């Protein structure tokens, strides 16, 4: 069986299309989400622009991708 880091991570966009992320793309997304969710200003912007449920979505996505 492949190591978790070697497996492409599947996401769906709002149209339901399947998006596959390679290792480098997952690494970038992980870092961006980590930095964004640690920033008070970014969290406020996300809440204002998208709603507080999107903060939870970002946190769940990080956990799914293997971040703590």
PDB file of N, CA and C in Angstrom:
ATOM      1  N   UNK A   1       0.844  -1.180   0.000  1.00  0.00           N
ATOM      2  CA  UNK A   1       0.000   0.000   0.000  1.00  0.00           C
ATOM      3  C   UNK A   1       0.887   1.241   0.000  1.00  0.00           C
ATOM      4  N   UNK A   2       0.465   2.289  -0.686  1.00  0.00           N
ATOM      5  CA  UNK A   2       1.240   3.517  -0.786  1.00  0.00           C
ATOM      6  C   UNK A   2       1.231   4.295   0.515  1.00  0.00           C
ATOM      7  N   UNK A   3       2.301   5.021   0.740  1.00  0.00           N
ATOM      8  CA  UNK A   3       2.391   5.947   1.850  1.00  0.00           C
ATOM      9  C   UNK A   3       1.349   7.043   1.633  1.00  0.00           C
ATOM     10  N   UNK A   4       0.763   7.557   2.717  1.00  0.00           N
ATOM     11  CA  UNK A   4      -0.263   8.592   2.621  1.00  0.00           C
ATOM     12  C   UNK A   4       0.232   9.802   1.830  1.00  0.00           C
ATOM     13  N   UNK A   5       1.499  10.139   1.963  1.00  0.00           N
ATOM     14  CA  UNK A   5       2.043  11.311   1.277  1.00  0.00           C
ATOM     15  C   UNK A   5       2.147  11.099  -0.225  1.00  0.00           C
ATOM     16  N   UNK A   6       2.107   9.871  -0.696  1.00  0.00           N
ATOM     17  CA  UNK A   6       2.213   9.586  -2.121  1.00  0.00           C
ATOM     18  C   UNK A   6       0.857   9.507  -2.813  1.00  0.00           C
ATOM     19  N   UNK A   7      -0.191   9.494  -2.040  1.00  0.00           N
ATOM     20  CA  UNK A   7      -1.533   9.353  -2.602  1.00  0.00           C
ATOM     21  C   UNK A   7      -2.069  10.734  -2.949  1.00  0.00           C
ATOM     22  N   UNK A   8      -2.636  10.878  -4.169  1.00  0.00           N
ATOM     23  CA  UNK A   8      -3.257  12.134  -4.540  1.00  0.00           C
ATOM     24  C   UNK A   8      -4.480  12.372  -3.666  1.00  0.00           C
ATOM     25  N   UNK A   9      -4.670  13.593  -3.258  1.00  0.00           N
ATOM     26  CA  UNK A   9      -5.765  13.984  -2.388  1.00  0.00           C
ATOM     27  C   UNK A   9      -6.903  14.492  -3.255  1.00  0.00           C
ATOM     28  N   UNK A  10      -8.075  13.956  -3.098  1.00  0.00           N
ATOM     29  CA  UNK A  10      -9.220  14.324  -3.932  1.00  0.00           C
ATOM     30  C   UNK A  10     -10.059  15.399  -3.254  1.00  0.00           C
ATOM     31  N   UNK A  11     -10.419  16.408  -4.015  1.00  0.00           N
ATOM     32  CA  UNK A  11     -11.319  17.461  -3.567  1.00  0.00           C
ATOM     33  C   UNK A  11     -12.393  17.644  -4.628  1.00  0.00           C
ATOM     34  N   UNK A  12     -13.494  18.224  -4.231  1.00  0.00           N
ATOM     35  CA  UNK A  12     -14.546  18.540  -5.177  1.00  0.00           C
ATOM     36  C   UNK A  12     -14.760  20.043  -5.188  1.00  0.00           C
ATOM     37  N   UNK A  13     -14.906  20.630  -6.388  1.00  0.00           N
ATOM     38  CA  UNK A  13     -15.223  22.054  -6.440  1.00  0.00           C
ATOM     39  C   UNK A  13     -16.724  22.238  -6.330  1.00  0.00           C
ATOM     40  N   UNK A  14     -17.207  23.494  -6.374  1.00  0.00           N
ATOM     41  CA  UNK A  14     -18.632  23.724  -6.143  1.00  0.00           C
ATOM     42  C   UNK A  14     -19.523  23.175  -7.245  1.00  0.00           C
ATOM     43  N   UNK A  15     -18.962  22.835  -8.388  1.00  0.00           N
ATOM     44  CA  UNK A  15     -19.758  22.209  -9.444  1.00  0.00           C
ATOM     45  C   UNK A  15     -19.809  20.698  -9.269  1.00  0.00           C
ATOM     46  N   UNK A  16     -19.047  20.174  -8.305  1.00  0.00           N
ATOM     47  CA  UNK A  16     -19.013  18.739  -8.074  1.00  0.00           C
ATOM     48  C   UNK A  16     -17.899  18.046  -8.840  1.00  0.00           C
ATOM     49  N   UNK A  17     -17.099  18.825  -9.582  1.00  0.00           N
ATOM     50  CA  UNK A  17     -15.990  18.231 -10.329  1.00  0.00           C
ATOM     51  C   UNK A  17     -14.914  17.767  -9.358  1.00  0.00           C
ATOM     52  N   UNK A  18     -14.345  16.623  -9.635  1.00  0.00           N
ATOM     53  CA  UNK A  18     -13.292  16.058  -8.797  1.00  0.00           C
ATOM     54  C   UNK A  18     -11.972  16.742  -9.110  1.00  0.00           C
ATOM     55  N   UNK A  19     -11.290  17.208  -8.079  1.00  0.00           N
ATOM     56  CA  UNK A  19      -9.978  17.828  -8.221  1.00  0.00           C
ATOM     57  C   UNK A  19      -8.957  16.947  -7.516  1.00  0.00           C
ATOM     58  N   UNK A  20      -7.883  16.620  -8.194  1.00  0.00           N
ATOM     59  CA  UNK A  20      -6.823  15.826  -7.583  1.00  0.00           C
ATOM     60  C   UNK A  20      -5.633  16.731  -7.304  1.00  0.00           C
ATOM     61  N   UNK A  21      -5.115  16.643  -6.094  1.00  0.00           N
ATOM     62  CA  UNK A  21      -3.949  17.431  -5.710  1.00  0.00           C
ATOM     63  C   UNK A  21      -2.755  16.510  -5.544  1.00  0.00           C
ATOM     64  N   UNK A  22      -1.643  16.923  -6.148  1.00  0.00           N
ATOM     65  CA  UNK A  22      -0.431  16.132  -5.968  1.00  0.00           C
ATOM     66  C   UNK A  22       0.258  16.551  -4.668  1.00  0.00           C
ATOM     67  N   UNK A  23       1.352  15.916  -4.363  1.00  0.00           N
ATOM     68  CA  UNK A  23       2.060  16.140  -3.093  1.00  0.00           C
ATOM     69  C   UNK A  23       2.451  17.607  -2.906  1.00  0.00           C
ATOM     70  N   UNK A  24       2.958  18.237  -3.944  1.00  0.00           N
ATOM     71  CA  UNK A  24       3.389  19.632  -3.856  1.00  0.00           C
ATOM     72  C   UNK A  24       2.198  20.562  -3.650  1.00  0.00           C
ATOM     73  N   UNK A  25       1.101  20.288  -4.345  1.00  0.00           N
ATOM     74  CA  UNK A  25      -0.100  21.110  -4.193  1.00  0.00           C
ATOM     75  C   UNK A  25      -0.688  20.960  -2.792  1.00  0.00           C
ATOM     76  N   UNK A  26      -0.689  19.756  -2.251  1.00  0.00           N
ATOM     77  CA  UNK A  26      -1.172  19.534  -0.888  1.00  0.00           C
ATOM     78  C   UNK A  26      -0.297  20.274   0.117  1.00  0.00           C
ATOM     79  N   UNK A  27       1.001  20.242  -0.110  1.00  0.00           N
ATOM     80  CA  UNK A  27       1.936  20.926   0.791  1.00  0.00           C
ATOM     81  C   UNK A  27       1.662  22.435   0.801  1.00  0.00           C
ATOM     82  N   UNK A  28       1.460  23.010  -0.391  1.00  0.00           N
ATOM     83  CA  UNK A  28       1.170  24.435  -0.493  1.00  0.00           C
ATOM     84  C   UNK A  28      -0.160  24.762   0.169  1.00  0.00           C
ATOM     85  N   UNK A  29      -1.190  23.992  -0.121  1.00  0.00           N
ATOM     86  CA  UNK A  29      -2.499  24.231   0.464  1.00  0.00           C
ATOM     87  C   UNK A  29      -2.442  24.114   1.983  1.00  0.00           C
ATOM     88  N   UNK A  30      -1.724  23.134   2.465  1.00  0.00           N
ATOM     89  CA  UNK A  30      -1.564  22.939   3.902  1.00  0.00           C
ATOM     90  C   UNK A  30      -0.923  24.172   4.540  1.00  0.00           C
ATOM     91  N   UNK A  31       0.161  24.662   3.946  1.00  0.00           N
ATOM     92  CA  UNK A  31       0.852  25.836   4.505  1.00  0.00           C
ATOM     93  C   UNK A  31      -0.022  27.082   4.455  1.00  0.00           C
ATOM     94  N   UNK A  32      -0.728  27.284   3.335  1.00  0.00           N
ATOM     95  CA  UNK A  32      -1.600  28.453   3.203  1.00  0.00           C
ATOM     96  C   UNK A  32      -2.736  28.424   4.213  1.00  0.00           C
ATOM     97  N   UNK A  33      -3.349  27.260   4.363  1.00  0.00           N
ATOM     98  CA  UNK A  33      -4.434  27.149   5.338  1.00  0.00           C
ATOM     99  C   UNK A  33      -3.928  27.334   6.757  1.00  0.00           C
ATOM    100  N   UNK A  34      -2.789  26.768   7.069  1.00  0.00           N
ATOM    101  CA  UNK A  34      -2.219  26.901   8.412  1.00  0.00           C
ATOM    102  C   UNK A  34      -1.962  28.368   8.732  1.00  0.00           C
ATOM    103  N   UNK A  35      -1.298  29.070   7.819  1.00  0.00           N
ATOM    104  CA  UNK A  35      -1.006  30.495   8.034  1.00  0.00           C
ATOM    105  C   UNK A  35      -2.290  31.316   8.119  1.00  0.00           C
ATOM    106  N   UNK A  36      -3.218  31.038   7.239  1.00  0.00           N
ATOM    107  CA  UNK A  36      -4.464  31.796   7.201  1.00  0.00           C
ATOM    108  C   UNK A  36      -5.276  31.614   8.467  1.00  0.00           C
ATOM    109  N   UNK A  37      -5.394  30.389   8.923  1.00  0.00           N
ATOM    110  CA  UNK A  37      -6.211  30.126  10.107  1.00  0.00           C
ATOM    111  C   UNK A  37      -5.553  30.608  11.396  1.00  0.00           C
ATOM    112  N   UNK A  38      -4.257  30.874  11.363  1.00  0.00           N
ATOM    113  CA  UNK A  38      -3.566  31.433  12.526  1.00  0.00           C
ATOM    114  C   UNK A  38      -3.666  32.956  12.573  1.00  0.00           C
ATOM    115  N   UNK A  39      -4.034  33.572  11.456  1.00  0.00           N
ATOM    116  CA  UNK A  39      -4.102  35.028  11.353  1.00  0.00           C
ATOM    117  C   UNK A  39      -5.472  35.548  11.770  1.00  0.00           C
ATOM    118  N   UNK A  40      -5.486  36.426  12.753  1.00  0.00           N
ATOM    119  CA  UNK A  40      -6.748  37.016  13.218  1.00  0.00           C
ATOM    120  C   UNK A  40      -7.431  37.767  12.079  1.00  0.00           C
ATOM    121  N   UNK A  41      -6.672  38.558  11.329  1.00  0.00           N
ATOM    122  CA  UNK A  41      -7.257  39.328  10.231  1.00  0.00           C
ATOM    123  C   UNK A  41      -7.818  38.431   9.141  1.00  0.00           C
ATOM    124  N   UNK A  42      -7.108  37.370   8.811  1.00  0.00           N
ATOM    125  CA  UNK A  42      -7.587  36.453   7.773  1.00  0.00           C
ATOM    126  C   UNK A  42      -8.855  35.743   8.232  1.00  0.00           C
ATOM    127  N   UNK A  43      -8.901  35.336   9.489  1.00  0.00           N
ATOM    128  CA  UNK A  43     -10.097  34.673  10.021  1.00  0.00           C
ATOM    129  C   UNK A  43     -11.296  35.617   9.986  1.00  0.00           C
ATOM    130  N   UNK A  44     -11.069  36.889  10.349  1.00  0.00           N
ATOM    131  CA  UNK A  44     -12.145  37.876  10.294  1.00  0.00           C
ATOM    132  C   UNK A  44     -12.614  38.080   8.854  1.00  0.00           C
ATOM    133  N   UNK A  45     -11.685  38.151   7.914  1.00  0.00           N
ATOM    134  CA  UNK A  45     -12.043  38.332   6.505  1.00  0.00           C
ATOM    135  C   UNK A  45     -12.855  37.152   5.991  1.00  0.00           C
ATOM    136  N   UNK A  46     -12.414  35.940   6.307  1.00  0.00           N
ATOM    137  CA  UNK A  46     -13.148  34.739   5.880  1.00  0.00           C
ATOM    138  C   UNK A  46     -14.560  34.750   6.463  1.00  0.00           C
ATOM    139  N   UNK A  47     -14.676  35.079   7.734  1.00  0.00           N
ATOM    140  CA  UNK A  47     -15.984  35.115   8.382  1.00  0.00           C
ATOM    141  C   UNK A  47     -16.892  36.150   7.729  1.00  0.00           C
ATOM    142  N   UNK A  48     -16.344  37.327   7.440  1.00  0.00           N
ATOM    143  CA  UNK A  48     -17.125  38.402   6.816  1.00  0.00           C
ATOM    144  C   UNK A  48     -17.509  38.040   5.377  1.00  0.00           C
ATOM    145  N   UNK A  49     -16.570  37.504   4.635  1.00  0.00           N
ATOM    146  CA  UNK A  49     -16.773  37.232   3.213  1.00  0.00           C
ATOM    147  C   UNK A  49     -17.594  35.956   2.977  1.00  0.00           C
ATOM    148  N   UNK A  50     -17.308  34.886   3.743  1.00  0.00           N
ATOM    149  CA  UNK A  50     -17.899  33.575   3.468  1.00  0.00           C
ATOM    150  C   UNK A  50     -18.783  33.040   4.584  1.00  0.00           C
ATOM    151  N   UNK A  51     -18.534  33.465   5.793  1.00  0.00           N
ATOM    152  CA  UNK A  51     -19.274  32.951   6.944  1.00  0.00           C
ATOM    153  C   UNK A  51     -18.374  32.115   7.838  1.00  0.00           C
ATOM    154  N   UNK A  52     -18.738  32.047   9.106  1.00  0.00           N
ATOM    155  CA  UNK A  52     -17.895  31.358  10.085  1.00  0.00           C
ATOM    156  C   UNK A  52     -17.776  29.862   9.811  1.00  0.00           C
ATOM    157  N   UNK A  53     -18.756  29.278   9.114  1.00  0.00           N
ATOM    158  CA  UNK A  53     -18.670  27.846   8.812  1.00  0.00           C
ATOM    159  C   UNK A  53     -17.459  27.524   7.937  1.00  0.00           C
ATOM    160  N   UNK A  54     -16.953  28.507   7.201  1.00  0.00           N
ATOM    161  CA  UNK A  54     -15.794  28.266   6.348  1.00  0.00           C
ATOM    162  C   UNK A  54     -14.504  28.138   7.150  1.00  0.00           C
ATOM    163  N   UNK A  55     -14.467  28.720   8.338  1.00  0.00           N
ATOM    164  CA  UNK A  55     -13.321  28.488   9.219  1.00  0.00           C
ATOM    165  C   UNK A  55     -13.294  27.028   9.641  1.00  0.00           C
ATOM    166  N   UNK A  56     -14.457  26.492   9.952  1.00  0.00           N
ATOM    167  CA  UNK A  56     -14.554  25.078  10.321  1.00  0.00           C
ATOM    168  C   UNK A  56     -14.200  24.182   9.137  1.00  0.00           C
ATOM    169  N   UNK A  57     -14.631  24.569   7.953  1.00  0.00           N
ATOM    170  CA  UNK A  57     -14.298  23.799   6.748  1.00  0.00           C
ATOM    171  C   UNK A  57     -12.782  23.758   6.568  1.00  0.00           C
ATOM    172  N   UNK A  58     -12.113  24.901   6.732  1.00  0.00           N
ATOM    173  CA  UNK A  58     -10.662  24.955   6.605  1.00  0.00           C
ATOM    174  C   UNK A  58      -9.961  24.092   7.640  1.00  0.00           C
ATOM    175  N   UNK A  59     -10.451  24.126   8.866  1.00  0.00           N
ATOM    176  CA  UNK A  59      -9.860  23.312   9.931  1.00  0.00           C
ATOM    177  C   UNK A  59     -10.043  21.821   9.654  1.00  0.00           C
ATOM    178  N   UNK A  60     -11.232  21.442   9.180  1.00  0.00           N
ATOM    179  CA  UNK A  60     -11.477  20.038   8.850  1.00  0.00           C
ATOM    180  C   UNK A  60     -10.614  19.598   7.677  1.00  0.00           C
ATOM    181  N   UNK A  61     -10.446  20.473   6.706  1.00  0.00           N
ATOM    182  CA  UNK A  61      -9.599  20.147   5.557  1.00  0.00           C
ATOM    183  C   UNK A  61      -8.166  19.910   5.995  1.00  0.00           C
ATOM    184  N   UNK A  62      -7.650  20.758   6.883  1.00  0.00           N
ATOM    185  CA  UNK A  62      -6.298  20.556   7.406  1.00  0.00           C
ATOM    186  C   UNK A  62      -6.163  19.211   8.111  1.00  0.00           C
ATOM    187  N   UNK A  63      -7.151  18.865   8.915  1.00  0.00           N
ATOM    188  CA  UNK A  63      -7.106  17.572   9.604  1.00  0.00           C
ATOM    189  C   UNK A  63      -7.144  16.427   8.617  1.00  0.00           C
ATOM    190  N   UNK A  64      -7.985  16.551   7.593  1.00  0.00           N
ATOM    191  CA  UNK A  64      -8.089  15.510   6.567  1.00  0.00           C
ATOM    192  C   UNK A  64      -6.765  15.332   5.834  1.00  0.00           C
ATOM    193  N   UNK A  65      -6.055  16.441   5.649  1.00  0.00           N
ATOM    194  CA  UNK A  65      -4.781  16.405   4.943  1.00  0.00           C
ATOM    195  C   UNK A  65      -3.632  15.959   5.838  1.00  0.00           C
ATOM    196  N   UNK A  66      -3.925  15.720   7.122  1.00  0.00           N
ATOM    197  CA  UNK A  66      -2.897  15.193   8.016  1.00  0.00           C
ATOM    198  C   UNK A  66      -2.244  16.204   8.913  1.00  0.00           C
ATOM    199  N   UNK A  67      -2.769  17.433   8.954  1.00  0.00           N
ATOM    200  CA  UNK A  67      -2.220  18.434   9.873  1.00  0.00           C
ATOM    201  C   UNK A  67      -2.912  18.324  11.211  1.00  0.00           C
ATOM    202  N   UNK A  68      -2.208  18.783  12.234  1.00  0.00           N
ATOM    203  CA  UNK A  68      -2.828  18.747  13.558  1.00  0.00           C
ATOM    204  C   UNK A  68      -3.390  20.079  13.930  1.00  0.00           C
TER     205      UNK A  68
END
